[in-house]
Amino acid sequence: MRAFFEAIGSLFTDFLFIPLDFFRKLELENWWTANILTWIFIIICCAAFVYWMKQLQIFKENKEDDQDTTAHSFLS
């Protein structure tokens, strides 16, 4: 069983983290380039947030948005 977990550790440290090691070394030269993955994820999250807000606005305009203040029927 120990060999199994050591194999998983080796897989991550020796193979899957190679791109992240590259970014770690790149950070000493250029911080902006080294954090490109972070910027990509921030842009994706901002785009998803804008899409979500537009969808909420569409439902509100169509009066499909249920604005009931109680979470369950037994609370009313």
PDB file of N, CA and C in Angstrom:
ATOM      1  N   MET A   1       0.831  -1.198   0.000  1.00  0.00           N
ATOM      2  CA  MET A   1       0.000   0.000   0.000  1.00  0.00           C
ATOM      3  C   MET A   1       0.873   1.259   0.000  1.00  0.00           C
ATOM      4  N   ARG A   2       2.015   1.176   0.674  1.00  0.00           N
ATOM      5  CA  ARG A   2       2.913   2.331   0.728  1.00  0.00           C
ATOM      6  C   ARG A   2       3.423   2.679  -0.670  1.00  0.00           C
ATOM      7  N   ALA A   3       3.722   1.663  -1.461  1.00  0.00           N
ATOM      8  CA  ALA A   3       4.229   1.889  -2.815  1.00  0.00           C
ATOM      9  C   ALA A   3       3.185   2.601  -3.671  1.00  0.00           C
ATOM     10  N   PHE A   4       1.919   2.296  -3.436  1.00  0.00           N
ATOM     11  CA  PHE A   4       0.841   2.951  -4.182  1.00  0.00           C
ATOM     12  C   PHE A   4       0.849   4.456  -3.924  1.00  0.00           C
ATOM     13  N   PHE A   5       0.932   4.861  -2.659  1.00  0.00           N
ATOM     14  CA  PHE A   5       0.928   6.284  -2.332  1.00  0.00           C
ATOM     15  C   PHE A   5       2.221   6.965  -2.770  1.00  0.00           C
ATOM     16  N   GLU A   6       3.334   6.242  -2.727  1.00  0.00           N
ATOM     17  CA  GLU A   6       4.585   6.810  -3.229  1.00  0.00           C
ATOM     18  C   GLU A   6       4.518   7.003  -4.742  1.00  0.00           C
ATOM     19  N   ALA A   7       3.820   6.097  -5.431  1.00  0.00           N
ATOM     20  CA  ALA A   7       3.651   6.246  -6.883  1.00  0.00           C
ATOM     21  C   ALA A   7       2.795   7.472  -7.203  1.00  0.00           C
ATOM     22  N   ILE A   8       1.754   7.696  -6.416  1.00  0.00           N
ATOM     23  CA  ILE A   8       0.920   8.888  -6.620  1.00  0.00           C
ATOM     24  C   ILE A   8       1.742  10.144  -6.364  1.00  0.00           C
ATOM     25  N   GLY A   9       2.540  10.134  -5.293  1.00  0.00           N
ATOM     26  CA  GLY A   9       3.398  11.285  -4.997  1.00  0.00           C
ATOM     27  C   GLY A   9       4.410  11.531  -6.097  1.00  0.00           C
ATOM     28  N   SER A  10       4.984  10.467  -6.615  1.00  0.00           N
ATOM     29  CA  SER A  10       5.944  10.594  -7.707  1.00  0.00           C
ATOM     30  C   SER A  10       5.278  11.122  -8.972  1.00  0.00           C
ATOM     31  N   LEU A  11       4.077  10.643  -9.250  1.00  0.00           N
ATOM     32  CA  LEU A  11       3.343  11.115 -10.432  1.00  0.00           C
ATOM     33  C   LEU A  11       3.165  12.627 -10.386  1.00  0.00           C
ATOM     34  N   PHE A  12       2.752  13.135  -9.236  1.00  0.00           N
ATOM     35  CA  PHE A  12       2.512  14.574  -9.136  1.00  0.00           C
ATOM     36  C   PHE A  12       3.802  15.367  -9.134  1.00  0.00           C
ATOM     37  N   THR A  13       4.780  14.978  -8.328  1.00  0.00           N
ATOM     38  CA  THR A  13       5.986  15.788  -8.215  1.00  0.00           C
ATOM     39  C   THR A  13       6.891  15.680  -9.434  1.00  0.00           C
ATOM     40  N   ASP A  14       6.930  14.518 -10.072  1.00  0.00           N
ATOM     41  CA  ASP A  14       7.864  14.330 -11.183  1.00  0.00           C
ATOM     42  C   ASP A  14       7.273  14.643 -12.548  1.00  0.00           C
ATOM     43  N   PHE A  15       5.937  14.597 -12.674  1.00  0.00           N
ATOM     44  CA  PHE A  15       5.340  14.777 -13.999  1.00  0.00           C
ATOM     45  C   PHE A  15       4.303  15.894 -14.054  1.00  0.00           C
ATOM     46  N   LEU A  16       3.310  15.839 -13.191  1.00  0.00           N
ATOM     47  CA  LEU A  16       2.178  16.759 -13.328  1.00  0.00           C
ATOM     48  C   LEU A  16       2.491  18.183 -12.869  1.00  0.00           C
ATOM     49  N   PHE A  17       3.490  18.360 -12.011  1.00  0.00           N
ATOM     50  CA  PHE A  17       3.828  19.704 -11.538  1.00  0.00           C
ATOM     51  C   PHE A  17       4.943  20.354 -12.343  1.00  0.00           C
ATOM     52  N   ILE A  18       5.379  19.727 -13.430  1.00  0.00           N
ATOM     53  CA  ILE A  18       6.444  20.317 -14.253  1.00  0.00           C
ATOM     54  C   ILE A  18       6.041  21.690 -14.794  1.00  0.00           C
ATOM     55  N   PRO A  19       4.814  21.881 -15.323  1.00  0.00           N
ATOM     56  CA  PRO A  19       4.452  23.238 -15.774  1.00  0.00           C
ATOM     57  C   PRO A  19       4.436  24.254 -14.636  1.00  0.00           C
ATOM     58  N   LEU A  20       4.023  23.833 -13.454  1.00  0.00           N
ATOM     59  CA  LEU A  20       3.998  24.773 -12.329  1.00  0.00           C
ATOM     60  C   LEU A  20       5.408  25.106 -11.856  1.00  0.00           C
ATOM     61  N   ASP A  21       6.345  24.166 -11.972  1.00  0.00           N
ATOM     62  CA  ASP A  21       7.747  24.470 -11.657  1.00  0.00           C
ATOM     63  C   ASP A  21       8.295  25.494 -12.633  1.00  0.00           C
ATOM     64  N   PHE A  22       7.880  25.386 -13.893  1.00  0.00           N
ATOM     65  CA  PHE A  22       8.288  26.377 -14.888  1.00  0.00           C
ATOM     66  C   PHE A  22       7.803  27.772 -14.493  1.00  0.00           C
ATOM     67  N   PHE A  23       6.537  27.881 -14.077  1.00  0.00           N
ATOM     68  CA  PHE A  23       6.000  29.180 -13.672  1.00  0.00           C
ATOM     69  C   PHE A  23       6.677  29.693 -12.405  1.00  0.00           C
ATOM     70  N   ARG A  24       7.062  28.796 -11.506  1.00  0.00           N
ATOM     71  CA  ARG A  24       7.756  29.209 -10.283  1.00  0.00           C
ATOM     72  C   ARG A  24       9.107  29.833 -10.617  1.00  0.00           C
ATOM     73  N   LYS A  25       9.831  29.232 -11.563  1.00  0.00           N
ATOM     74  CA  LYS A  25      11.122  29.793 -11.970  1.00  0.00           C
ATOM     75  C   LYS A  25      10.938  31.083 -12.772  1.00  0.00           C
ATOM     76  N   LEU A  26       9.861  31.145 -13.540  1.00  0.00           N
ATOM     77  CA  LEU A  26       9.577  32.328 -14.360  1.00  0.00           C
ATOM     78  C   LEU A  26       9.220  33.536 -13.498  1.00  0.00           C
ATOM     79  N   GLU A  27       8.698  33.285 -12.299  1.00  0.00           N
ATOM     80  CA  GLU A  27       8.268  34.384 -11.436  1.00  0.00           C
ATOM     81  C   GLU A  27       9.427  35.303 -11.063  1.00  0.00           C
ATOM     82  N   LEU A  28      10.623  34.774 -10.998  1.00  0.00           N
ATOM     83  CA  LEU A  28      11.782  35.590 -10.665  1.00  0.00           C
ATOM     84  C   LEU A  28      12.107  36.579 -11.781  1.00  0.00           C
ATOM     85  N   GLU A  29      11.685  36.260 -13.005  1.00  0.00           N
ATOM     86  CA  GLU A  29      11.961  37.142 -14.137  1.00  0.00           C
ATOM     87  C   GLU A  29      10.817  38.106 -14.417  1.00  0.00           C
ATOM     88  N   ASN A  30       9.583  37.587 -14.440  1.00  0.00           N
ATOM     89  CA  ASN A  30       8.442  38.430 -14.777  1.00  0.00           C
ATOM     90  C   ASN A  30       7.213  37.925 -14.026  1.00  0.00           C
ATOM     91  N   TRP A  31       6.741  38.720 -13.072  1.00  0.00           N
ATOM     92  CA  TRP A  31       5.614  38.311 -12.230  1.00  0.00           C
ATOM     93  C   TRP A  31       4.333  38.177 -13.037  1.00  0.00           C
ATOM     94  N   TRP A  32       4.098  39.077 -13.981  1.00  0.00           N
ATOM     95  CA  TRP A  32       2.864  39.067 -14.755  1.00  0.00           C
ATOM     96  C   TRP A  32       2.750  37.812 -15.605  1.00  0.00           C
ATOM     97  N   THR A  33       3.832  37.435 -16.245  1.00  0.00           N
ATOM     98  CA  THR A  33       3.811  36.235 -17.078  1.00  0.00           C
ATOM     99  C   THR A  33       3.676  34.976 -16.231  1.00  0.00           C
ATOM    100  N   ALA A  34       4.309  34.961 -15.082  1.00  0.00           N
ATOM    101  CA  ALA A  34       4.257  33.788 -14.215  1.00  0.00           C
ATOM    102  C   ALA A  34       2.847  33.542 -13.686  1.00  0.00           C
ATOM    103  N   ASN A  35       2.061  34.579 -13.573  1.00  0.00           N
ATOM    104  CA  ASN A  35       0.710  34.442 -13.041  1.00  0.00           C
ATOM    105  C   ASN A  35      -0.349  34.426 -14.131  1.00  0.00           C
ATOM    106  N   ILE A  36       0.021  34.002 -15.318  1.00  0.00           N
ATOM    107  CA  ILE A  36      -0.923  33.984 -16.436  1.00  0.00           C
ATOM    108  C   ILE A  36      -2.090  33.034 -16.167  1.00  0.00           C
ATOM    109  N   LEU A  37      -1.849  31.917 -15.494  1.00  0.00           N
ATOM    110  CA  LEU A  37      -2.945  31.002 -15.164  1.00  0.00           C
ATOM    111  C   LEU A  37      -3.957  31.671 -14.242  1.00  0.00           C
ATOM    112  N   THR A  38      -3.461  32.417 -13.293  1.00  0.00           N
ATOM    113  CA  THR A  38      -4.349  33.134 -12.383  1.00  0.00           C
ATOM    114  C   THR A  38      -5.183  34.148 -13.139  1.00  0.00           C
ATOM    115  N   TRP A  39      -4.551  34.879 -14.057  1.00  0.00           N
ATOM    116  CA  TRP A  39      -5.287  35.879 -14.832  1.00  0.00           C
ATOM    117  C   TRP A  39      -6.335  35.225 -15.722  1.00  0.00           C
ATOM    118  N   ILE A  40      -6.002  34.073 -16.291  1.00  0.00           N
ATOM    119  CA  ILE A  40      -6.980  33.366 -17.125  1.00  0.00           C
ATOM    120  C   ILE A  40      -8.188  32.951 -16.302  1.00  0.00           C
ATOM    121  N   PHE A  41      -7.958  32.405 -15.106  1.00  0.00           N
ATOM    122  CA  PHE A  41      -9.072  32.003 -14.246  1.00  0.00           C
ATOM    123  C   PHE A  41      -9.892  33.199 -13.778  1.00  0.00           C
ATOM    124  N   ILE A  42      -9.251  34.324 -13.520  1.00  0.00           N
ATOM    125  CA  ILE A  42      -9.984  35.530 -13.126  1.00  0.00           C
ATOM    126  C   ILE A  42     -10.876  35.997 -14.275  1.00  0.00           C
ATOM    127  N   ILE A  43     -10.365  35.977 -15.493  1.00  0.00           N
ATOM    128  CA  ILE A  43     -11.159  36.396 -16.650  1.00  0.00           C
ATOM    129  C   ILE A  43     -12.340  35.451 -16.864  1.00  0.00           C
ATOM    130  N   ILE A  44     -12.112  34.149 -16.711  1.00  0.00           N
ATOM    131  CA  ILE A  44     -13.199  33.183 -16.850  1.00  0.00           C
ATOM    132  C   ILE A  44     -14.267  33.422 -15.791  1.00  0.00           C
ATOM    133  N   CYS A  45     -13.859  33.664 -14.554  1.00  0.00           N
ATOM    134  CA  CYS A  45     -14.826  33.913 -13.472  1.00  0.00           C
ATOM    135  C   CYS A  45     -15.606  35.207 -13.711  1.00  0.00           C
ATOM    136  N   CYS A  46     -14.939  36.233 -14.190  1.00  0.00           N
ATOM    137  CA  CYS A  46     -15.641  37.492 -14.476  1.00  0.00           C
ATOM    138  C   CYS A  46     -16.653  37.304 -15.603  1.00  0.00           C
ATOM    139  N   ALA A  47     -16.278  36.563 -16.624  1.00  0.00           N
ATOM    140  CA  ALA A  47     -17.208  36.308 -17.733  1.00  0.00           C
ATOM    141  C   ALA A  47     -18.403  35.488 -17.262  1.00  0.00           C
ATOM    142  N   ALA A  48     -18.168  34.499 -16.412  1.00  0.00           N
ATOM    143  CA  ALA A  48     -19.267  33.695 -15.877  1.00  0.00           C
ATOM    144  C   ALA A  48     -20.179  34.543 -15.001  1.00  0.00           C
ATOM    145  N   PHE A  49     -19.618  35.453 -14.237  1.00  0.00           N
ATOM    146  CA  PHE A  49     -20.425  36.328 -13.382  1.00  0.00           C
ATOM    147  C   PHE A  49     -21.304  37.246 -14.217  1.00  0.00           C
ATOM    148  N   VAL A  50     -20.736  37.819 -15.284  1.00  0.00           N
ATOM    149  CA  VAL A  50     -21.513  38.699 -16.159  1.00  0.00           C
ATOM    150  C   VAL A  50     -22.635  37.913 -16.836  1.00  0.00           C
ATOM    151  N   TYR A  51     -22.336  36.704 -17.305  1.00  0.00           N
ATOM    152  CA  TYR A  51     -23.361  35.860 -17.920  1.00  0.00           C
ATOM    153  C   TYR A  51     -24.469  35.548 -16.923  1.00  0.00           C
ATOM    154  N   TRP A  52     -24.094  35.226 -15.695  1.00  0.00           N
ATOM    155  CA  TRP A  52     -25.058  34.901 -14.654  1.00  0.00           C
ATOM    156  C   TRP A  52     -25.976  36.100 -14.368  1.00  0.00           C
ATOM    157  N   MET A  53     -25.399  37.288 -14.268  1.00  0.00           N
ATOM    158  CA  MET A  53     -26.190  38.491 -14.009  1.00  0.00           C
ATOM    159  C   MET A  53     -27.151  38.781 -15.164  1.00  0.00           C
ATOM    160  N   LYS A  54     -26.695  38.567 -16.399  1.00  0.00           N
ATOM    161  CA  LYS A  54     -27.580  38.774 -17.552  1.00  0.00           C
ATOM    162  C   LYS A  54     -28.741  37.785 -17.539  1.00  0.00           C
ATOM    163  N   GLN A  55     -28.468  36.546 -17.176  1.00  0.00           N
ATOM    164  CA  GLN A  55     -29.534  35.548 -17.092  1.00  0.00           C
ATOM    165  C   GLN A  55     -30.523  35.907 -15.988  1.00  0.00           C
ATOM    166  N   LEU A  56     -30.039  36.377 -14.861  1.00  0.00           N
ATOM    167  CA  LEU A  56     -30.939  36.814 -13.792  1.00  0.00           C
ATOM    168  C   LEU A  56     -31.819  37.967 -14.252  1.00  0.00           C
ATOM    169  N   GLN A  57     -31.249  38.886 -15.013  1.00  0.00           N
ATOM    170  CA  GLN A  57     -32.022  40.019 -15.531  1.00  0.00           C
ATOM    171  C   GLN A  57     -33.099  39.543 -16.498  1.00  0.00           C
ATOM    172  N   ILE A  58     -32.783  38.564 -17.338  1.00  0.00           N
ATOM    173  CA  ILE A  58     -33.765  38.024 -18.285  1.00  0.00           C
ATOM    174  C   ILE A  58     -34.925  37.392 -17.528  1.00  0.00           C
ATOM    175  N   PHE A  59     -34.642  36.605 -16.499  1.00  0.00           N
ATOM    176  CA  PHE A  59     -35.711  35.982 -15.723  1.00  0.00           C
ATOM    177  C   PHE A  59     -36.543  37.013 -14.982  1.00  0.00           C
ATOM    178  N   LYS A  60     -35.889  38.076 -14.514  1.00  0.00           N
ATOM    179  CA  LYS A  60     -36.624  39.121 -13.803  1.00  0.00           C
ATOM    180  C   LYS A  60     -37.550  39.869 -14.751  1.00  0.00           C
ATOM    181  N   GLU A  61     -37.094  40.146 -15.964  1.00  0.00           N
ATOM    182  CA  GLU A  61     -37.926  40.846 -16.945  1.00  0.00           C
ATOM    183  C   GLU A  61     -39.109  39.998 -17.388  1.00  0.00           C
ATOM    184  N   ASN A  62     -38.972  38.680 -17.432  1.00  0.00           N
ATOM    185  CA  ASN A  62     -40.058  37.784 -17.829  1.00  0.00           C
ATOM    186  C   ASN A  62     -40.963  37.407 -16.658  1.00  0.00           C
ATOM    187  N   LYS A  63     -40.722  37.982 -15.502  1.00  0.00           N
ATOM    188  CA  LYS A  63     -41.488  37.699 -14.276  1.00  0.00           C
ATOM    189  C   LYS A  63     -41.439  36.204 -13.907  1.00  0.00           C
ATOM    190  N   GLU A  64     -40.349  35.535 -14.255  1.00  0.00           N
ATOM    191  CA  GLU A  64     -40.166  34.134 -13.895  1.00  0.00           C
ATOM    192  C   GLU A  64     -39.362  34.001 -12.608  1.00  0.00           C
ATOM    193  N   ASP A  65     -38.881  35.112 -12.096  1.00  0.00           N
ATOM    194  CA  ASP A  65     -38.068  35.111 -10.892  1.00  0.00           C
ATOM    195  C   ASP A  65     -38.979  35.065  -9.675  1.00  0.00           C
ATOM    196  N   ASP A  66     -38.878  34.023  -8.888  1.00  0.00           N
ATOM    197  CA  ASP A  66     -39.708  33.868  -7.695  1.00  0.00           C
ATOM    198  C   ASP A  66     -39.034  34.604  -6.544  1.00  0.00           C
ATOM    199  N   GLN A  67     -39.651  35.673  -6.083  1.00  0.00           N
ATOM    200  CA  GLN A  67     -39.088  36.509  -5.017  1.00  0.00           C
ATOM    201  C   GLN A  67     -39.735  36.206  -3.669  1.00  0.00           C
ATOM    202  N   ASP A  68     -40.062  34.957  -3.404  1.00  0.00           N
ATOM    203  CA  ASP A  68     -40.675  34.569  -2.139  1.00  0.00           C
ATOM    204  C   ASP A  68     -39.628  34.713  -1.030  1.00  0.00           C
ATOM    205  N   THR A  69     -40.007  35.391   0.036  1.00  0.00           N
ATOM    206  CA  THR A  69     -39.047  35.648   1.116  1.00  0.00           C
ATOM    207  C   THR A  69     -38.887  34.478   2.062  1.00  0.00           C
ATOM    208  N   THR A  70     -39.787  33.521   2.026  1.00  0.00           N
ATOM    209  CA  THR A  70     -39.659  32.358   2.906  1.00  0.00           C
ATOM    210  C   THR A  70     -38.993  31.214   2.149  1.00  0.00           C
ATOM    211  N   ALA A  71     -38.152  30.507   2.845  1.00  0.00           N
ATOM    212  CA  ALA A  71     -37.410  29.421   2.199  1.00  0.00           C
ATOM    213  C   ALA A  71     -38.290  28.186   2.024  1.00  0.00           C
ATOM    214  N   HIS A  72     -39.196  27.940   2.966  1.00  0.00           N
ATOM    215  CA  HIS A  72     -40.060  26.753   2.909  1.00  0.00           C
ATOM    216  C   HIS A  72     -41.487  27.141   3.229  1.00  0.00           C
ATOM    217  N   SER A  73     -42.391  26.333   2.766  1.00  0.00           N
ATOM    218  CA  SER A  73     -43.804  26.651   2.968  1.00  0.00           C
ATOM    219  C   SER A  73     -44.195  26.629   4.440  1.00  0.00           C
ATOM    220  N   PHE A  74     -43.514  25.837   5.260  1.00  0.00           N
ATOM    221  CA  PHE A  74     -43.871  25.768   6.681  1.00  0.00           C
ATOM    222  C   PHE A  74     -43.415  26.984   7.468  1.00  0.00           C
ATOM    223  N   LEU A  75     -42.623  27.865   6.841  1.00  0.00           N
ATOM    224  CA  LEU A  75     -42.185  29.078   7.525  1.00  0.00           C
ATOM    225  C   LEU A  75     -43.178  30.220   7.370  1.00  0.00           C
ATOM    226  N   SER A  76     -44.115  30.141   6.440  1.00  0.00           N
ATOM    227  CA  SER A  76     -45.041  31.238   6.212  1.00  0.00           C
ATOM    228  C   SER A  76     -46.213  31.207   7.162  1.00  0.00           C
TER     229      SER A  76
END
